[in-house]
Amino acid sequence: MAKLSQVLRDQRREKLIAKFAEKRAELRKRLNDANVSYEEKMEIQQQFAKLPRNSCPTRLNRRCKVSGRSRGYYRKFQVSRIALRELALKGQLPGMRKSSW
C-alpha cells in the first residue's frame, strides 16, 4: 500500500490539471501557430511559466485504484499488476483467467 500522502498528492494534481487544461490548450495552440511573432511567443512562454507547476499533465503519476501502487500499472483496468492478478484469481474480472500451457 502506497503512502496516503502520495495518493492524495496525485489526487490534488488531477484536480489542478483539470482546472487549467483549457487554458493550457489555448496557450499551446497559440504557441504552435506559425503566424505568431517571436516576441509574442516569448510572452506566451512567460504565461506558461506563471501557471502552477502541478497543472502540467506530465507530472501526474497514475496509481492503482486498489492499493495506490504507481509501478506495474495497467491502464485498461486501472490497477497494478499485483491487484490485477488477485482480482483475476478471485474471478472479479470478467473474461480473464489464469493462462496455462
N, C-alpha and C. Protein backbone atom coordinates (compact mmCIF):
# COMPACT_ATOMS: atom_id res chain seq x y z
N MET A 1 0.84 -1.18 0.00
CA MET A 1 0.00 0.00 0.00
C MET A 1 0.88 1.24 0.00
N ALA A 2 0.59 2.15 -0.92
CA ALA A 2 1.36 3.39 -1.02
C ALA A 2 1.00 4.31 0.15
N LYS A 3 1.94 5.23 0.44
CA LYS A 3 1.67 6.19 1.50
C LYS A 3 0.47 7.06 1.11
N LEU A 4 -0.35 7.34 2.07
CA LEU A 4 -1.55 8.12 1.82
C LEU A 4 -1.21 9.50 1.28
N SER A 5 -0.11 10.07 1.75
CA SER A 5 0.28 11.41 1.30
C SER A 5 0.58 11.43 -0.20
N GLN A 6 1.17 10.36 -0.72
CA GLN A 6 1.47 10.30 -2.15
C GLN A 6 0.20 10.17 -2.98
N VAL A 7 -0.73 9.37 -2.50
CA VAL A 7 -2.01 9.19 -3.20
C VAL A 7 -2.77 10.52 -3.22
N LEU A 8 -2.82 11.20 -2.09
CA LEU A 8 -3.53 12.48 -2.01
C LEU A 8 -2.85 13.54 -2.88
N ARG A 9 -1.52 13.52 -2.95
CA ARG A 9 -0.80 14.48 -3.78
C ARG A 9 -1.18 14.30 -5.25
N ASP A 10 -1.27 13.05 -5.69
CA ASP A 10 -1.65 12.81 -7.08
C ASP A 10 -3.11 13.19 -7.34
N GLN A 11 -3.97 13.05 -6.33
CA GLN A 11 -5.36 13.47 -6.50
C GLN A 11 -5.46 14.99 -6.63
N ARG A 12 -4.64 15.71 -5.85
CA ARG A 12 -4.61 17.17 -5.98
C ARG A 12 -4.10 17.58 -7.36
N ARG A 13 -3.12 16.85 -7.86
CA ARG A 13 -2.60 17.15 -9.20
C ARG A 13 -3.67 16.93 -10.26
N GLU A 14 -4.47 15.87 -10.11
CA GLU A 14 -5.54 15.61 -11.07
C GLU A 14 -6.52 16.78 -11.12
N LYS A 15 -6.86 17.33 -9.95
CA LYS A 15 -7.78 18.47 -9.90
C LYS A 15 -7.17 19.70 -10.58
N LEU A 16 -5.89 19.96 -10.31
CA LEU A 16 -5.22 21.11 -10.92
C LEU A 16 -5.13 20.96 -12.44
N ILE A 17 -4.84 19.76 -12.89
CA ILE A 17 -4.75 19.51 -14.33
C ILE A 17 -6.08 19.78 -15.01
N ALA A 18 -7.16 19.31 -14.39
CA ALA A 18 -8.49 19.55 -14.95
C ALA A 18 -8.84 21.04 -14.94
N LYS A 19 -8.44 21.74 -13.88
CA LYS A 19 -8.76 23.16 -13.75
C LYS A 19 -8.06 24.00 -14.82
N PHE A 20 -6.81 23.69 -15.12
CA PHE A 20 -6.02 24.51 -16.05
C PHE A 20 -5.91 23.91 -17.45
N ALA A 21 -6.61 22.82 -17.72
CA ALA A 21 -6.49 22.14 -19.02
C ALA A 21 -6.89 23.05 -20.18
N GLU A 22 -7.99 23.78 -20.01
CA GLU A 22 -8.47 24.64 -21.08
C GLU A 22 -7.48 25.78 -21.37
N LYS A 23 -6.96 26.38 -20.32
CA LYS A 23 -6.01 27.48 -20.50
C LYS A 23 -4.72 26.99 -21.14
N ARG A 24 -4.23 25.81 -20.70
CA ARG A 24 -3.03 25.24 -21.29
C ARG A 24 -3.24 24.92 -22.77
N ALA A 25 -4.40 24.40 -23.12
CA ALA A 25 -4.69 24.07 -24.52
C ALA A 25 -4.70 25.32 -25.39
N GLU A 26 -5.28 26.39 -24.85
CA GLU A 26 -5.31 27.64 -25.60
C GLU A 26 -3.90 28.21 -25.81
N LEU A 27 -3.10 28.20 -24.75
CA LEU A 27 -1.72 28.69 -24.87
C LEU A 27 -0.91 27.84 -25.83
N ARG A 28 -1.08 26.52 -25.76
CA ARG A 28 -0.35 25.60 -26.64
C ARG A 28 -0.73 25.86 -28.10
N LYS A 29 -2.03 26.11 -28.34
CA LYS A 29 -2.49 26.38 -29.71
C LYS A 29 -1.86 27.66 -30.25
N ARG A 30 -1.83 28.71 -29.42
CA ARG A 30 -1.23 29.98 -29.84
C ARG A 30 0.28 29.82 -30.05
N LEU A 31 0.93 29.05 -29.22
CA LEU A 31 2.37 28.87 -29.31
C LEU A 31 2.76 28.13 -30.59
N ASN A 32 1.95 27.16 -31.00
CA ASN A 32 2.26 26.38 -32.20
C ASN A 32 1.81 27.04 -33.50
N ASP A 33 1.17 28.19 -33.40
CA ASP A 33 0.74 28.92 -34.58
C ASP A 33 1.95 29.51 -35.30
N ALA A 34 2.05 29.28 -36.59
CA ALA A 34 3.21 29.74 -37.37
C ALA A 34 3.17 31.25 -37.62
N ASN A 35 1.99 31.86 -37.52
CA ASN A 35 1.86 33.29 -37.83
C ASN A 35 2.17 34.19 -36.63
N VAL A 36 2.49 33.63 -35.50
CA VAL A 36 2.77 34.41 -34.29
C VAL A 36 4.22 34.87 -34.30
N SER A 37 4.44 36.12 -33.90
CA SER A 37 5.80 36.67 -33.90
C SER A 37 6.63 36.09 -32.75
N TYR A 38 7.93 36.29 -32.84
CA TYR A 38 8.85 35.76 -31.82
C TYR A 38 8.58 36.38 -30.45
N GLU A 39 8.35 37.71 -30.43
CA GLU A 39 8.09 38.40 -29.15
C GLU A 39 6.82 37.87 -28.49
N GLU A 40 5.82 37.61 -29.31
CA GLU A 40 4.56 37.08 -28.79
C GLU A 40 4.74 35.67 -28.24
N LYS A 41 5.57 34.87 -28.91
CA LYS A 41 5.85 33.52 -28.42
C LYS A 41 6.57 33.56 -27.07
N MET A 42 7.48 34.52 -26.91
CA MET A 42 8.17 34.66 -25.63
C MET A 42 7.19 35.05 -24.53
N GLU A 43 6.22 35.89 -24.87
CA GLU A 43 5.19 36.28 -23.90
C GLU A 43 4.32 35.09 -23.52
N ILE A 44 4.01 34.26 -24.49
CA ILE A 44 3.22 33.05 -24.21
C ILE A 44 4.01 32.11 -23.30
N GLN A 45 5.31 31.99 -23.53
CA GLN A 45 6.16 31.16 -22.67
C GLN A 45 6.13 31.68 -21.22
N GLN A 46 6.13 32.98 -21.05
CA GLN A 46 6.06 33.55 -19.71
C GLN A 46 4.72 33.25 -19.05
N GLN A 47 3.65 33.24 -19.84
CA GLN A 47 2.34 32.89 -19.30
C GLN A 47 2.31 31.42 -18.86
N PHE A 48 2.98 30.57 -19.63
CA PHE A 48 3.11 29.16 -19.24
C PHE A 48 3.84 29.04 -17.90
N ALA A 49 4.89 29.83 -17.74
CA ALA A 49 5.70 29.77 -16.52
C ALA A 49 4.91 30.23 -15.29
N LYS A 50 3.91 31.08 -15.49
CA LYS A 50 3.11 31.57 -14.37
C LYS A 50 2.09 30.54 -13.88
N LEU A 51 1.78 29.57 -14.72
CA LEU A 51 0.83 28.52 -14.31
C LEU A 51 1.46 27.65 -13.23
N PRO A 52 0.63 27.05 -12.37
CA PRO A 52 1.19 26.15 -11.35
C PRO A 52 1.92 24.97 -11.98
N ARG A 53 3.00 24.58 -11.37
CA ARG A 53 3.83 23.50 -11.90
C ARG A 53 3.05 22.18 -11.95
N ASN A 54 2.24 21.94 -10.93
CA ASN A 54 1.50 20.68 -10.87
C ASN A 54 0.29 20.63 -11.79
N SER A 55 0.05 21.68 -12.56
CA SER A 55 -1.05 21.65 -13.52
C SER A 55 -0.62 21.06 -14.86
N CYS A 56 0.65 20.67 -14.95
CA CYS A 56 1.17 20.04 -16.17
C CYS A 56 0.85 18.54 -16.14
N PRO A 57 0.22 18.02 -17.18
CA PRO A 57 -0.19 16.61 -17.17
C PRO A 57 0.97 15.62 -17.06
N THR A 58 2.17 16.00 -17.44
CA THR A 58 3.29 15.06 -17.36
C THR A 58 3.72 14.80 -15.93
N ARG A 59 3.32 15.65 -15.00
CA ARG A 59 3.69 15.45 -13.59
C ARG A 59 2.77 14.46 -12.89
N LEU A 60 1.68 14.09 -13.53
CA LEU A 60 0.73 13.16 -12.92
C LEU A 60 1.28 11.74 -12.98
N ASN A 61 1.14 11.03 -11.88
CA ASN A 61 1.58 9.65 -11.81
C ASN A 61 0.35 8.76 -11.64
N ARG A 62 0.09 7.89 -12.59
CA ARG A 62 -1.08 7.01 -12.49
C ARG A 62 -0.87 6.00 -11.38
N ARG A 63 -1.92 5.77 -10.61
CA ARG A 63 -1.82 4.88 -9.46
C ARG A 63 -2.95 3.86 -9.48
N CYS A 64 -2.67 2.72 -8.87
CA CYS A 64 -3.64 1.64 -8.73
C CYS A 64 -4.81 2.12 -7.88
N LYS A 65 -6.05 1.83 -8.31
CA LYS A 65 -7.23 2.22 -7.56
C LYS A 65 -7.39 1.40 -6.29
N VAL A 66 -6.79 0.22 -6.24
CA VAL A 66 -6.92 -0.67 -5.08
C VAL A 66 -5.86 -0.35 -4.03
N SER A 67 -4.59 -0.32 -4.45
CA SER A 67 -3.50 -0.20 -3.48
C SER A 67 -2.76 1.12 -3.52
N GLY A 68 -2.93 1.91 -4.58
CA GLY A 68 -2.20 3.16 -4.71
C GLY A 68 -0.81 2.99 -5.29
N ARG A 69 -0.45 1.76 -5.67
CA ARG A 69 0.87 1.47 -6.24
C ARG A 69 1.03 2.18 -7.58
N SER A 70 2.23 2.75 -7.81
CA SER A 70 2.45 3.51 -9.04
C SER A 70 3.17 2.70 -10.11
N ARG A 71 3.83 1.64 -9.74
CA ARG A 71 4.56 0.84 -10.72
C ARG A 71 3.76 -0.38 -11.13
N GLY A 72 3.99 -0.85 -12.34
CA GLY A 72 3.29 -2.03 -12.83
C GLY A 72 1.81 -1.75 -13.01
N TYR A 73 1.48 -0.58 -13.56
CA TYR A 73 0.10 -0.12 -13.66
C TYR A 73 -0.47 -0.49 -15.03
N TYR A 74 -1.65 -1.11 -15.05
CA TYR A 74 -2.36 -1.43 -16.28
C TYR A 74 -3.45 -0.39 -16.50
N ARG A 75 -3.32 0.40 -17.57
CA ARG A 75 -4.29 1.47 -17.83
C ARG A 75 -5.69 0.93 -18.09
N LYS A 76 -5.76 -0.18 -18.78
CA LYS A 76 -7.07 -0.72 -19.16
C LYS A 76 -7.92 -1.04 -17.94
N PHE A 77 -7.29 -1.55 -16.89
CA PHE A 77 -8.02 -1.94 -15.68
C PHE A 77 -7.85 -0.94 -14.53
N GLN A 78 -6.93 -0.01 -14.65
CA GLN A 78 -6.62 1.00 -13.65
C GLN A 78 -6.18 0.38 -12.32
N VAL A 79 -5.47 -0.74 -12.40
CA VAL A 79 -4.91 -1.38 -11.21
C VAL A 79 -3.49 -1.83 -11.51
N SER A 80 -2.75 -2.14 -10.45
CA SER A 80 -1.38 -2.61 -10.61
C SER A 80 -1.39 -4.09 -10.99
N ARG A 81 -0.22 -4.60 -11.36
CA ARG A 81 -0.12 -6.00 -11.77
C ARG A 81 -0.47 -6.94 -10.63
N ILE A 82 -0.14 -6.56 -9.41
CA ILE A 82 -0.41 -7.42 -8.26
C ILE A 82 -1.91 -7.47 -7.99
N ALA A 83 -2.56 -6.31 -7.99
CA ALA A 83 -4.00 -6.26 -7.76
C ALA A 83 -4.74 -6.94 -8.90
N LEU A 84 -4.22 -6.80 -10.13
CA LEU A 84 -4.84 -7.44 -11.28
C LEU A 84 -4.86 -8.95 -11.12
N ARG A 85 -3.74 -9.51 -10.69
CA ARG A 85 -3.67 -10.96 -10.50
C ARG A 85 -4.64 -11.42 -9.41
N GLU A 86 -4.67 -10.68 -8.30
CA GLU A 86 -5.57 -11.06 -7.20
C GLU A 86 -7.03 -11.00 -7.63
N LEU A 87 -7.40 -9.94 -8.34
CA LEU A 87 -8.79 -9.81 -8.80
C LEU A 87 -9.14 -10.89 -9.82
N ALA A 88 -8.19 -11.22 -10.69
CA ALA A 88 -8.44 -12.25 -11.70
C ALA A 88 -8.60 -13.62 -11.06
N LEU A 89 -7.77 -13.93 -10.07
CA LEU A 89 -7.86 -15.23 -9.40
C LEU A 89 -9.15 -15.36 -8.59
N LYS A 90 -9.67 -14.24 -8.09
CA LYS A 90 -10.94 -14.26 -7.36
C LYS A 90 -12.14 -14.33 -8.31
N GLY A 91 -11.88 -14.10 -9.60
CA GLY A 91 -12.95 -14.13 -10.59
C GLY A 91 -13.72 -12.83 -10.67
N GLN A 92 -13.14 -11.74 -10.23
CA GLN A 92 -13.83 -10.46 -10.23
C GLN A 92 -13.61 -9.64 -11.50
N LEU A 93 -12.77 -10.15 -12.40
CA LEU A 93 -12.57 -9.50 -13.70
C LEU A 93 -13.21 -10.38 -14.77
N PRO A 94 -14.32 -9.98 -15.36
CA PRO A 94 -14.99 -10.82 -16.33
C PRO A 94 -14.14 -11.07 -17.57
N GLY A 95 -14.10 -12.31 -18.01
CA GLY A 95 -13.37 -12.68 -19.22
C GLY A 95 -11.89 -12.93 -19.01
N MET A 96 -11.40 -12.80 -17.81
CA MET A 96 -9.98 -13.01 -17.55
C MET A 96 -9.78 -14.27 -16.72
N ARG A 97 -8.81 -15.07 -17.15
CA ARG A 97 -8.49 -16.27 -16.38
C ARG A 97 -6.99 -16.51 -16.45
N LYS A 98 -6.53 -17.33 -15.54
CA LYS A 98 -5.10 -17.64 -15.48
C LYS A 98 -4.73 -18.52 -16.66
N SER A 99 -3.66 -18.14 -17.34
CA SER A 99 -3.28 -18.92 -18.51
C SER A 99 -2.44 -20.13 -18.09
N SER A 100 -2.54 -21.16 -18.87
CA SER A 100 -1.70 -22.33 -18.65
C SER A 100 -1.40 -22.96 -20.01
N TRP A 101 -0.20 -23.42 -20.20
CA TRP A 101 0.18 -24.05 -21.46
C TRP A 101 1.17 -25.14 -21.25
